[in-house]
Amino acid sequence: MFIASTKLEQLNHLQCYLWLPIPKSRLRFNKKAGIGRMYLNCDPHFRTVKTITYWTETNRYASDLPMPIDLYLDELGLDQANQNIDRLFDLAVKLNLERN
């Protein structure tokens, strides 16, 4: 899902949120796994992801600090090629199809 930014200094900036795995370090109540809404902070050309931030479904604010994408991928056991936004879109689609 894409949402146009409302900050004046970022009028030409798009925000991208995808439903992706929540890193184990961010899970609460001893959950083993989960999918959450993640904000992807991308490079200016919207090709690679710099950081990822977990947002809860019920909160309009981030539930945690941004996590560097390489740390996020490492925690999930994903290869660093997933910094490419296309690979993360593919993962989000795959997870969505598995849930439905």
PDB file of N, CA and C in Angstrom:
ATOM      1  N   MET A   1       0.847  -1.164   0.000  1.00  0.00           N
ATOM      2  CA  MET A   1       0.000   0.000   0.000  1.00  0.00           C
ATOM      3  C   MET A   1       0.894   1.229   0.000  1.00  0.00           C
ATOM      4  N   PHE A   2       0.582   2.202  -0.820  1.00  0.00           N
ATOM      5  CA  PHE A   2       1.315   3.448  -0.878  1.00  0.00           C
ATOM      6  C   PHE A   2       0.447   4.578  -0.356  1.00  0.00           C
ATOM      7  N   ILE A   3       1.048   5.445   0.420  1.00  0.00           N
ATOM      8  CA  ILE A   3       0.325   6.592   0.954  1.00  0.00           C
ATOM      9  C   ILE A   3       1.192   7.819   0.743  1.00  0.00           C
ATOM     10  N   ALA A   4       0.652   8.865   0.178  1.00  0.00           N
ATOM     11  CA  ALA A   4       1.421  10.095  -0.008  1.00  0.00           C
ATOM     12  C   ALA A   4       1.708  10.725   1.341  1.00  0.00           C
ATOM     13  N   SER A   5       2.893  11.231   1.496  1.00  0.00           N
ATOM     14  CA  SER A   5       3.291  11.866   2.739  1.00  0.00           C
ATOM     15  C   SER A   5       2.585  13.208   2.886  1.00  0.00           C
ATOM     16  N   THR A   6       2.322  13.589   4.127  1.00  0.00           N
ATOM     17  CA  THR A   6       1.669  14.873   4.375  1.00  0.00           C
ATOM     18  C   THR A   6       2.648  15.919   4.891  1.00  0.00           C
ATOM     19  N   LYS A   7       3.906  15.539   5.087  1.00  0.00           N
ATOM     20  CA  LYS A   7       4.892  16.502   5.559  1.00  0.00           C
ATOM     21  C   LYS A   7       5.299  17.417   4.403  1.00  0.00           C
ATOM     22  N   LEU A   8       5.316  18.705   4.652  1.00  0.00           N
ATOM     23  CA  LEU A   8       5.612  19.682   3.618  1.00  0.00           C
ATOM     24  C   LEU A   8       6.954  19.425   2.945  1.00  0.00           C
ATOM     25  N   GLU A   9       7.980  19.094   3.721  1.00  0.00           N
ATOM     26  CA  GLU A   9       9.301  18.882   3.140  1.00  0.00           C
ATOM     27  C   GLU A   9       9.402  17.576   2.367  1.00  0.00           C
ATOM     28  N   GLN A  10       8.371  16.756   2.376  1.00  0.00           N
ATOM     29  CA  GLN A  10       8.408  15.469   1.691  1.00  0.00           C
ATOM     30  C   GLN A  10       7.236  15.309   0.730  1.00  0.00           C
ATOM     31  N   LEU A  11       6.822  16.370   0.082  1.00  0.00           N
ATOM     32  CA  LEU A  11       5.647  16.304  -0.785  1.00  0.00           C
ATOM     33  C   LEU A  11       5.800  15.297  -1.924  1.00  0.00           C
ATOM     34  N   ASN A  12       7.003  15.066  -2.404  1.00  0.00           N
ATOM     35  CA  ASN A  12       7.216  14.130  -3.501  1.00  0.00           C
ATOM     36  C   ASN A  12       7.646  12.757  -3.000  1.00  0.00           C
ATOM     37  N   HIS A  13       7.430  12.488  -1.750  1.00  0.00           N
ATOM     38  CA  HIS A  13       7.888  11.257  -1.130  1.00  0.00           C
ATOM     39  C   HIS A  13       6.714  10.287  -0.954  1.00  0.00           C
ATOM     40  N   LEU A  14       6.917   9.046  -1.328  1.00  0.00           N
ATOM     41  CA  LEU A  14       5.908   8.019  -1.096  1.00  0.00           C
ATOM     42  C   LEU A  14       6.304   7.196   0.118  1.00  0.00           C
ATOM     43  N   GLN A  15       5.320   6.743   0.848  1.00  0.00           N
ATOM     44  CA  GLN A  15       5.564   5.847   1.960  1.00  0.00           C
ATOM     45  C   GLN A  15       5.032   4.482   1.566  1.00  0.00           C
ATOM     46  N   CYS A  16       5.766   3.462   1.898  1.00  0.00           N
ATOM     47  CA  CYS A  16       5.375   2.109   1.540  1.00  0.00           C
ATOM     48  C   CYS A  16       5.248   1.262   2.805  1.00  0.00           C
ATOM     49  N   TYR A  17       4.113   0.611   2.946  1.00  0.00           N
ATOM     50  CA  TYR A  17       3.870  -0.318   4.054  1.00  0.00           C
ATOM     51  C   TYR A  17       3.548  -1.680   3.448  1.00  0.00           C
ATOM     52  N   LEU A  18       4.203  -2.706   3.939  1.00  0.00           N
ATOM     53  CA  LEU A  18       3.933  -4.077   3.503  1.00  0.00           C
ATOM     54  C   LEU A  18       3.706  -4.959   4.714  1.00  0.00           C
ATOM     55  N   TRP A  19       2.912  -6.005   4.551  1.00  0.00           N
ATOM     56  CA  TRP A  19       2.733  -7.002   5.592  1.00  0.00           C
ATOM     57  C   TRP A  19       3.855  -8.020   5.434  1.00  0.00           C
ATOM     58  N   LEU A  20       4.795  -7.978   6.379  1.00  0.00           N
ATOM     59  CA  LEU A  20       5.992  -8.810   6.333  1.00  0.00           C
ATOM     60  C   LEU A  20       6.208  -9.475   7.690  1.00  0.00           C
ATOM     61  N   PRO A  21       7.100 -10.462   7.756  1.00  0.00           N
ATOM     62  CA  PRO A  21       7.370 -11.106   9.045  1.00  0.00           C
ATOM     63  C   PRO A  21       7.906 -10.104  10.075  1.00  0.00           C
ATOM     64  N   ILE A  22       7.454 -10.270  11.300  1.00  0.00           N
ATOM     65  CA  ILE A  22       7.955  -9.456  12.402  1.00  0.00           C
ATOM     66  C   ILE A  22       9.222 -10.123  12.928  1.00  0.00           C
ATOM     67  N   PRO A  23      10.313  -9.382  13.087  1.00  0.00           N
ATOM     68  CA  PRO A  23      11.527  -9.994  13.630  1.00  0.00           C
ATOM     69  C   PRO A  23      11.289 -10.501  15.057  1.00  0.00           C
ATOM     70  N   LYS A  24      11.918 -11.592  15.399  1.00  0.00           N
ATOM     71  CA  LYS A  24      11.707 -12.195  16.721  1.00  0.00           C
ATOM     72  C   LYS A  24      11.998 -11.224  17.854  1.00  0.00           C
ATOM     73  N   SER A  25      12.955 -10.328  17.656  1.00  0.00           N
ATOM     74  CA  SER A  25      13.287  -9.366  18.717  1.00  0.00           C
ATOM     75  C   SER A  25      12.150  -8.373  18.964  1.00  0.00           C
ATOM     76  N   ARG A  26      11.204  -8.262  18.040  1.00  0.00           N
ATOM     77  CA  ARG A  26      10.082  -7.324  18.173  1.00  0.00           C
ATOM     78  C   ARG A  26       8.791  -8.005  18.621  1.00  0.00           C
ATOM     79  N   LEU A  27       8.780  -9.333  18.668  1.00  0.00           N
ATOM     80  CA  LEU A  27       7.568 -10.049  19.052  1.00  0.00           C
ATOM     81  C   LEU A  27       7.321  -9.942  20.556  1.00  0.00           C
ATOM     82  N   ARG A  28       6.090  -9.861  20.926  1.00  0.00           N
ATOM     83  CA  ARG A  28       5.699  -9.760  22.332  1.00  0.00           C
ATOM     84  C   ARG A  28       5.011 -11.049  22.764  1.00  0.00           C
ATOM     85  N   PHE A  29       4.957 -11.269  24.058  1.00  0.00           N
ATOM     86  CA  PHE A  29       4.215 -12.370  24.662  1.00  0.00           C
ATOM     87  C   PHE A  29       4.657 -13.746  24.165  1.00  0.00           C
ATOM     88  N   ASN A  30       5.956 -13.915  23.982  1.00  0.00           N
ATOM     89  CA  ASN A  30       6.548 -15.208  23.626  1.00  0.00           C
ATOM     90  C   ASN A  30       5.993 -15.813  22.340  1.00  0.00           C
ATOM     91  N   LYS A  31       5.528 -14.998  21.426  1.00  0.00           N
ATOM     92  CA  LYS A  31       5.085 -15.519  20.134  1.00  0.00           C
ATOM     93  C   LYS A  31       6.283 -16.063  19.377  1.00  0.00           C
ATOM     94  N   LYS A  32       6.067 -17.092  18.606  1.00  0.00           N
ATOM     95  CA  LYS A  32       7.135 -17.698  17.820  1.00  0.00           C
ATOM     96  C   LYS A  32       7.292 -17.029  16.454  1.00  0.00           C
ATOM     97  N   ALA A  33       6.197 -16.505  15.903  1.00  0.00           N
ATOM     98  CA  ALA A  33       6.233 -15.883  14.581  1.00  0.00           C
ATOM     99  C   ALA A  33       5.039 -14.948  14.447  1.00  0.00           C
ATOM    100  N   GLY A  34       5.116 -14.100  13.465  1.00  0.00           N
ATOM    101  CA  GLY A  34       3.996 -13.205  13.209  1.00  0.00           C
ATOM    102  C   GLY A  34       4.242 -12.374  11.969  1.00  0.00           C
ATOM    103  N   ILE A  35       3.165 -11.850  11.442  1.00  0.00           N
ATOM    104  CA  ILE A  35       3.208 -10.961  10.293  1.00  0.00           C
ATOM    105  C   ILE A  35       2.713  -9.608  10.779  1.00  0.00           C
ATOM    106  N   GLY A  36       3.376  -8.549  10.369  1.00  0.00           N
ATOM    107  CA  GLY A  36       2.971  -7.222  10.806  1.00  0.00           C
ATOM    108  C   GLY A  36       3.124  -6.201   9.702  1.00  0.00           C
ATOM    109  N   ARG A  37       2.521  -5.069   9.925  1.00  0.00           N
ATOM    110  CA  ARG A  37       2.613  -3.975   8.963  1.00  0.00           C
ATOM    111  C   ARG A  37       3.962  -3.289   9.160  1.00  0.00           C
ATOM    112  N   MET A  38       4.756  -3.287   8.108  1.00  0.00           N
ATOM    113  CA  MET A  38       6.100  -2.733   8.167  1.00  0.00           C
ATOM    114  C   MET A  38       6.205  -1.526   7.247  1.00  0.00           C
ATOM    115  N   TYR A  39       6.801  -0.463   7.765  1.00  0.00           N
ATOM    116  CA  TYR A  39       7.087   0.717   6.960  1.00  0.00           C
ATOM    117  C   TYR A  39       8.477   0.555   6.375  1.00  0.00           C
ATOM    118  N   LEU A  40       8.598   0.704   5.064  1.00  0.00           N
ATOM    119  CA  LEU A  40       9.882   0.578   4.388  1.00  0.00           C
ATOM    120  C   LEU A  40      10.415   1.975   4.065  1.00  0.00           C
ATOM    121  N   ASN A  41      11.568   2.302   4.618  1.00  0.00           N
ATOM    122  CA  ASN A  41      12.241   3.553   4.307  1.00  0.00           C
ATOM    123  C   ASN A  41      13.202   3.259   3.161  1.00  0.00           C
ATOM    124  N   CYS A  42      12.914   3.800   1.998  1.00  0.00           N
ATOM    125  CA  CYS A  42      13.653   3.458   0.774  1.00  0.00           C
ATOM    126  C   CYS A  42      14.624   4.558   0.364  1.00  0.00           C
ATOM    127  N   ASP A  43      15.520   4.186  -0.543  1.00  0.00           N
ATOM    128  CA  ASP A  43      16.429   5.163  -1.138  1.00  0.00           C
ATOM    129  C   ASP A  43      15.614   6.099  -2.038  1.00  0.00           C
ATOM    130  N   PRO A  44      16.200   7.223  -2.461  1.00  0.00           N
ATOM    131  CA  PRO A  44      15.437   8.193  -3.274  1.00  0.00           C
ATOM    132  C   PRO A  44      14.886   7.624  -4.582  1.00  0.00           C
ATOM    133  N   HIS A  45      15.503   6.588  -5.106  1.00  0.00           N
ATOM    134  CA  HIS A  45      15.040   5.996  -6.364  1.00  0.00           C
ATOM    135  C   HIS A  45      14.033   4.870  -6.140  1.00  0.00           C
ATOM    136  N   PHE A  46      13.711   4.598  -4.885  1.00  0.00           N
ATOM    137  CA  PHE A  46      12.714   3.598  -4.509  1.00  0.00           C
ATOM    138  C   PHE A  46      13.084   2.201  -5.025  1.00  0.00           C
ATOM    139  N   ARG A  47      14.378   1.869  -4.941  1.00  0.00           N
ATOM    140  CA  ARG A  47      14.838   0.546  -5.392  1.00  0.00           C
ATOM    141  C   ARG A  47      15.269  -0.343  -4.242  1.00  0.00           C
ATOM    142  N   THR A  48      15.931   0.255  -3.263  1.00  0.00           N
ATOM    143  CA  THR A  48      16.400  -0.530  -2.123  1.00  0.00           C
ATOM    144  C   THR A  48      15.857   0.055  -0.829  1.00  0.00           C
ATOM    145  N   VAL A  49      15.763  -0.797   0.169  1.00  0.00           N
ATOM    146  CA  VAL A  49      15.231  -0.417   1.470  1.00  0.00           C
ATOM    147  C   VAL A  49      16.397  -0.133   2.407  1.00  0.00           C
ATOM    148  N   LYS A  50      16.317   0.978   3.140  1.00  0.00           N
ATOM    149  CA  LYS A  50      17.375   1.333   4.090  1.00  0.00           C
ATOM    150  C   LYS A  50      17.032   0.847   5.493  1.00  0.00           C
ATOM    151  N   THR A  51      15.812   1.124   5.940  1.00  0.00           N
ATOM    152  CA  THR A  51      15.362   0.675   7.264  1.00  0.00           C
ATOM    153  C   THR A  51      13.935   0.165   7.162  1.00  0.00           C
ATOM    154  N   ILE A  52      13.543  -0.572   8.185  1.00  0.00           N
ATOM    155  CA  ILE A  52      12.187  -1.112   8.252  1.00  0.00           C
ATOM    156  C   ILE A  52      11.672  -0.873   9.669  1.00  0.00           C
ATOM    157  N   THR A  53      10.407  -0.476   9.783  1.00  0.00           N
ATOM    158  CA  THR A  53       9.832  -0.159  11.081  1.00  0.00           C
ATOM    159  C   THR A  53       8.508  -0.900  11.242  1.00  0.00           C
ATOM    160  N   TYR A  54       8.336  -1.561  12.374  1.00  0.00           N
ATOM    161  CA  TYR A  54       7.106  -2.300  12.661  1.00  0.00           C
ATOM    162  C   TYR A  54       6.039  -1.348  13.207  1.00  0.00           C
ATOM    163  N   TRP A  55       4.842  -1.422  12.636  1.00  0.00           N
ATOM    164  CA  TRP A  55       3.690  -0.642  13.089  1.00  0.00           C
ATOM    165  C   TRP A  55       2.602  -1.623  13.487  1.00  0.00           C
ATOM    166  N   THR A  56       1.986  -1.417  14.637  1.00  0.00           N
ATOM    167  CA  THR A  56       0.891  -2.298  15.027  1.00  0.00           C
ATOM    168  C   THR A  56      -0.349  -1.947  14.214  1.00  0.00           C
ATOM    169  N   GLU A  57      -1.257  -2.890  14.144  1.00  0.00           N
ATOM    170  CA  GLU A  57      -2.491  -2.681  13.370  1.00  0.00           C
ATOM    171  C   GLU A  57      -3.353  -1.579  13.957  1.00  0.00           C
ATOM    172  N   THR A  58      -3.331  -1.429  15.270  1.00  0.00           N
ATOM    173  CA  THR A  58      -4.242  -0.498  15.935  1.00  0.00           C
ATOM    174  C   THR A  58      -3.630   0.856  16.229  1.00  0.00           C
ATOM    175  N   ASN A  59      -2.346   1.032  15.926  1.00  0.00           N
ATOM    176  CA  ASN A  59      -1.671   2.273  16.264  1.00  0.00           C
ATOM    177  C   ASN A  59      -1.305   3.027  14.997  1.00  0.00           C
ATOM    178  N   ARG A  60      -1.491   4.325  15.004  1.00  0.00           N
ATOM    179  CA  ARG A  60      -1.106   5.092  13.826  1.00  0.00           C
ATOM    180  C   ARG A  60       0.338   5.565  13.907  1.00  0.00           C
ATOM    181  N   TYR A  61       1.026   5.167  14.956  1.00  0.00           N
ATOM    182  CA  TYR A  61       2.436   5.499  15.124  1.00  0.00           C
ATOM    183  C   TYR A  61       3.263   4.223  15.180  1.00  0.00           C
ATOM    184  N   ALA A  62       4.531   4.352  14.880  1.00  0.00           N
ATOM    185  CA  ALA A  62       5.429   3.197  14.913  1.00  0.00           C
ATOM    186  C   ALA A  62       5.485   2.628  16.321  1.00  0.00           C
ATOM    187  N   SER A  63       5.546   1.299  16.404  1.00  0.00           N
ATOM    188  CA  SER A  63       5.614   0.659  17.706  1.00  0.00           C
ATOM    189  C   SER A  63       7.047   0.459  18.166  1.00  0.00           C
ATOM    190  N   ASP A  64       7.999   0.764  17.312  1.00  0.00           N
ATOM    191  CA  ASP A  64       9.396   0.581  17.658  1.00  0.00           C
ATOM    192  C   ASP A  64      10.255   1.485  16.792  1.00  0.00           C
ATOM    193  N   LEU A  65      11.538   1.521  17.095  1.00  0.00           N
ATOM    194  CA  LEU A  65      12.472   2.319  16.306  1.00  0.00           C
ATOM    195  C   LEU A  65      12.770   1.635  14.980  1.00  0.00           C
ATOM    196  N   PRO A  66      13.177   2.404  13.964  1.00  0.00           N
ATOM    197  CA  PRO A  66      13.554   1.782  12.688  1.00  0.00           C
ATOM    198  C   PRO A  66      14.714   0.806  12.878  1.00  0.00           C
ATOM    199  N   MET A  67      14.666  -0.278  12.123  1.00  0.00           N
ATOM    200  CA  MET A  67      15.703  -1.308  12.176  1.00  0.00           C
ATOM    201  C   MET A  67      16.432  -1.306  10.835  1.00  0.00           C
ATOM    202  N   PRO A  68      17.768  -1.271  10.835  1.00  0.00           N
ATOM    203  CA  PRO A  68      18.483  -1.358   9.561  1.00  0.00           C
ATOM    204  C   PRO A  68      18.063  -2.619   8.803  1.00  0.00           C
ATOM    205  N   ILE A  69      17.891  -2.497   7.504  1.00  0.00           N
ATOM    206  CA  ILE A  69      17.379  -3.614   6.708  1.00  0.00           C
ATOM    207  C   ILE A  69      18.279  -4.843   6.785  1.00  0.00           C
ATOM    208  N   ASP A  70      19.600  -4.647   6.852  1.00  0.00           N
ATOM    209  CA  ASP A  70      20.485  -5.810   6.927  1.00  0.00           C
ATOM    210  C   ASP A  70      20.287  -6.574   8.227  1.00  0.00           C
ATOM    211  N   LEU A  71      20.027  -5.880   9.329  1.00  0.00           N
ATOM    212  CA  LEU A  71      19.753  -6.544  10.605  1.00  0.00           C
ATOM    213  C   LEU A  71      18.416  -7.282  10.550  1.00  0.00           C
ATOM    214  N   TYR A  72      17.404  -6.638   9.960  1.00  0.00           N
ATOM    215  CA  TYR A  72      16.088  -7.264   9.804  1.00  0.00           C
ATOM    216  C   TYR A  72      16.198  -8.563   9.003  1.00  0.00           C
ATOM    217  N   LEU A  73      16.868  -8.499   7.868  1.00  0.00           N
ATOM    218  CA  LEU A  73      17.015  -9.682   7.016  1.00  0.00           C
ATOM    219  C   LEU A  73      17.794 -10.782   7.727  1.00  0.00           C
ATOM    220  N   ASP A  74      18.817 -10.391   8.479  1.00  0.00           N
ATOM    221  CA  ASP A  74      19.616 -11.359   9.222  1.00  0.00           C
ATOM    222  C   ASP A  74      18.773 -12.068  10.281  1.00  0.00           C
ATOM    223  N   GLU A  75      17.946 -11.314  11.012  1.00  0.00           N
ATOM    224  CA  GLU A  75      17.082 -11.920  12.036  1.00  0.00           C
ATOM    225  C   GLU A  75      16.083 -12.899  11.447  1.00  0.00           C
ATOM    226  N   LEU A  76      15.644 -12.633  10.217  1.00  0.00           N
ATOM    227  CA  LEU A  76      14.675 -13.528   9.579  1.00  0.00           C
ATOM    228  C   LEU A  76      15.339 -14.663   8.804  1.00  0.00           C
ATOM    229  N   GLY A  77      16.662 -14.611   8.691  1.00  0.00           N
ATOM    230  CA  GLY A  77      17.369 -15.635   7.933  1.00  0.00           C
ATOM    231  C   GLY A  77      17.215 -15.464   6.431  1.00  0.00           C
ATOM    232  N   LEU A  78      16.974 -14.225   5.993  1.00  0.00           N
ATOM    233  CA  LEU A  78      16.829 -13.939   4.566  1.00  0.00           C
ATOM    234  C   LEU A  78      18.140 -13.415   4.010  1.00  0.00           C
ATOM    235  N   ASP A  79      18.352 -13.645   2.749  1.00  0.00           N
ATOM    236  CA  ASP A  79      19.592 -13.199   2.114  1.00  0.00           C
ATOM    237  C   ASP A  79      19.535 -11.702   1.822  1.00  0.00           C
ATOM    238  N   GLN A  80      20.701 -11.075   1.795  1.00  0.00           N
ATOM    239  CA  GLN A  80      20.799  -9.619   1.660  1.00  0.00           C
ATOM    240  C   GLN A  80      20.240  -9.102   0.334  1.00  0.00           C
ATOM    241  N   ALA A  81      20.044  -9.981  -0.647  1.00  0.00           N
ATOM    242  CA  ALA A  81      19.438  -9.551  -1.921  1.00  0.00           C
ATOM    243  C   ALA A  81      18.023  -9.046  -1.696  1.00  0.00           C
ATOM    244  N   ASN A  82      17.422  -9.380  -0.555  1.00  0.00           N
ATOM    245  CA  ASN A  82      16.072  -8.927  -0.250  1.00  0.00           C
ATOM    246  C   ASN A  82      16.007  -7.445   0.104  1.00  0.00           C
ATOM    247  N   GLN A  83      17.147  -6.752   0.114  1.00  0.00           N
ATOM    248  CA  GLN A  83      17.124  -5.295   0.290  1.00  0.00           C
ATOM    249  C   GLN A  83      16.467  -4.648  -0.921  1.00  0.00           C
ATOM    250  N   ASN A  84      16.476  -5.337  -2.045  1.00  0.00           N
ATOM    251  CA  ASN A  84      15.817  -4.864  -3.253  1.00  0.00           C
ATOM    252  C   ASN A  84      14.317  -4.872  -2.983  1.00  0.00           C
ATOM    253  N   ILE A  85      13.670  -3.759  -3.245  1.00  0.00           N
ATOM    254  CA  ILE A  85      12.250  -3.636  -2.905  1.00  0.00           C
ATOM    255  C   ILE A  85      11.379  -4.650  -3.644  1.00  0.00           C
ATOM    256  N   ASP A  86      11.769  -5.025  -4.857  1.00  0.00           N
ATOM    257  CA  ASP A  86      10.996  -6.019  -5.600  1.00  0.00           C
ATOM    258  C   ASP A  86      10.942  -7.354  -4.855  1.00  0.00           C
ATOM    259  N   ARG A  87      12.045  -7.738  -4.237  1.00  0.00           N
ATOM    260  CA  ARG A  87      12.085  -9.007  -3.495  1.00  0.00           C
ATOM    261  C   ARG A  87      11.172  -8.952  -2.271  1.00  0.00           C
ATOM    262  N   LEU A  88      11.119  -7.792  -1.607  1.00  0.00           N
ATOM    263  CA  LEU A  88      10.230  -7.659  -0.451  1.00  0.00           C
ATOM    264  C   LEU A  88       8.762  -7.655  -0.880  1.00  0.00           C
ATOM    265  N   PHE A  89       8.454  -7.053  -2.030  1.00  0.00           N
ATOM    266  CA  PHE A  89       7.083  -7.119  -2.563  1.00  0.00           C
ATOM    267  C   PHE A  89       6.703  -8.575  -2.841  1.00  0.00           C
ATOM    268  N   ASP A  90       7.613  -9.327  -3.450  1.00  0.00           N
ATOM    269  CA  ASP A  90       7.347 -10.746  -3.730  1.00  0.00           C
ATOM    270  C   ASP A  90       7.074 -11.513  -2.445  1.00  0.00           C
ATOM    271  N   LEU A  91       7.876 -11.251  -1.408  1.00  0.00           N
ATOM    272  CA  LEU A  91       7.681 -11.924  -0.123  1.00  0.00           C
ATOM    273  C   LEU A  91       6.322 -11.567   0.473  1.00  0.00           C
ATOM    274  N   ALA A  92       5.946 -10.288   0.418  1.00  0.00           N
ATOM    275  CA  ALA A  92       4.651  -9.864   0.963  1.00  0.00           C
ATOM    276  C   ALA A  92       3.494 -10.527   0.226  1.00  0.00           C
ATOM    277  N   VAL A  93       3.577 -10.626  -1.090  1.00  0.00           N
ATOM    278  CA  VAL A  93       2.522 -11.284  -1.873  1.00  0.00           C
ATOM    279  C   VAL A  93       2.447 -12.764  -1.509  1.00  0.00           C
ATOM    280  N   LYS A  94       3.592 -13.426  -1.422  1.00  0.00           N
ATOM    281  CA  LYS A  94       3.624 -14.843  -1.064  1.00  0.00           C
ATOM    282  C   LYS A  94       2.981 -15.078   0.315  1.00  0.00           C
ATOM    283  N   LEU A  95       3.337 -14.252   1.296  1.00  0.00           N
ATOM    284  CA  LEU A  95       2.771 -14.403   2.633  1.00  0.00           C
ATOM    285  C   LEU A  95       1.276 -14.151   2.639  1.00  0.00           C
ATOM    286  N   ASN A  96       0.814 -13.187   1.856  1.00  0.00           N
ATOM    287  CA  ASN A  96      -0.608 -12.892   1.763  1.00  0.00           C
ATOM    288  C   ASN A  96      -1.368 -14.061   1.151  1.00  0.00           C
ATOM    289  N   LEU A  97      -0.819 -14.655   0.114  1.00  0.00           N
ATOM    290  CA  LEU A  97      -1.472 -15.813  -0.513  1.00  0.00           C
ATOM    291  C   LEU A  97      -1.531 -16.997   0.432  1.00  0.00           C
ATOM    292  N   GLU A  98      -0.486 -17.188   1.236  1.00  0.00           N
ATOM    293  CA  GLU A  98      -0.477 -18.292   2.193  1.00  0.00           C
ATOM    294  C   GLU A  98      -1.501 -18.097   3.291  1.00  0.00           C
ATOM    295  N   ARG A  99      -1.757 -16.837   3.671  1.00  0.00           N
ATOM    296  CA  ARG A  99      -2.719 -16.541   4.751  1.00  0.00           C
ATOM    297  C   ARG A  99      -4.156 -16.718   4.309  1.00  0.00           C
ATOM    298  N   ASN A 100      -4.411 -16.570   3.004  1.00  0.00           N
ATOM    299  CA  ASN A 100      -5.798 -16.635   2.498  1.00  0.00           C
ATOM    300  C   ASN A 100      -6.134 -17.955   1.909  1.00  0.00           C
TER     301      ASN A 100
END
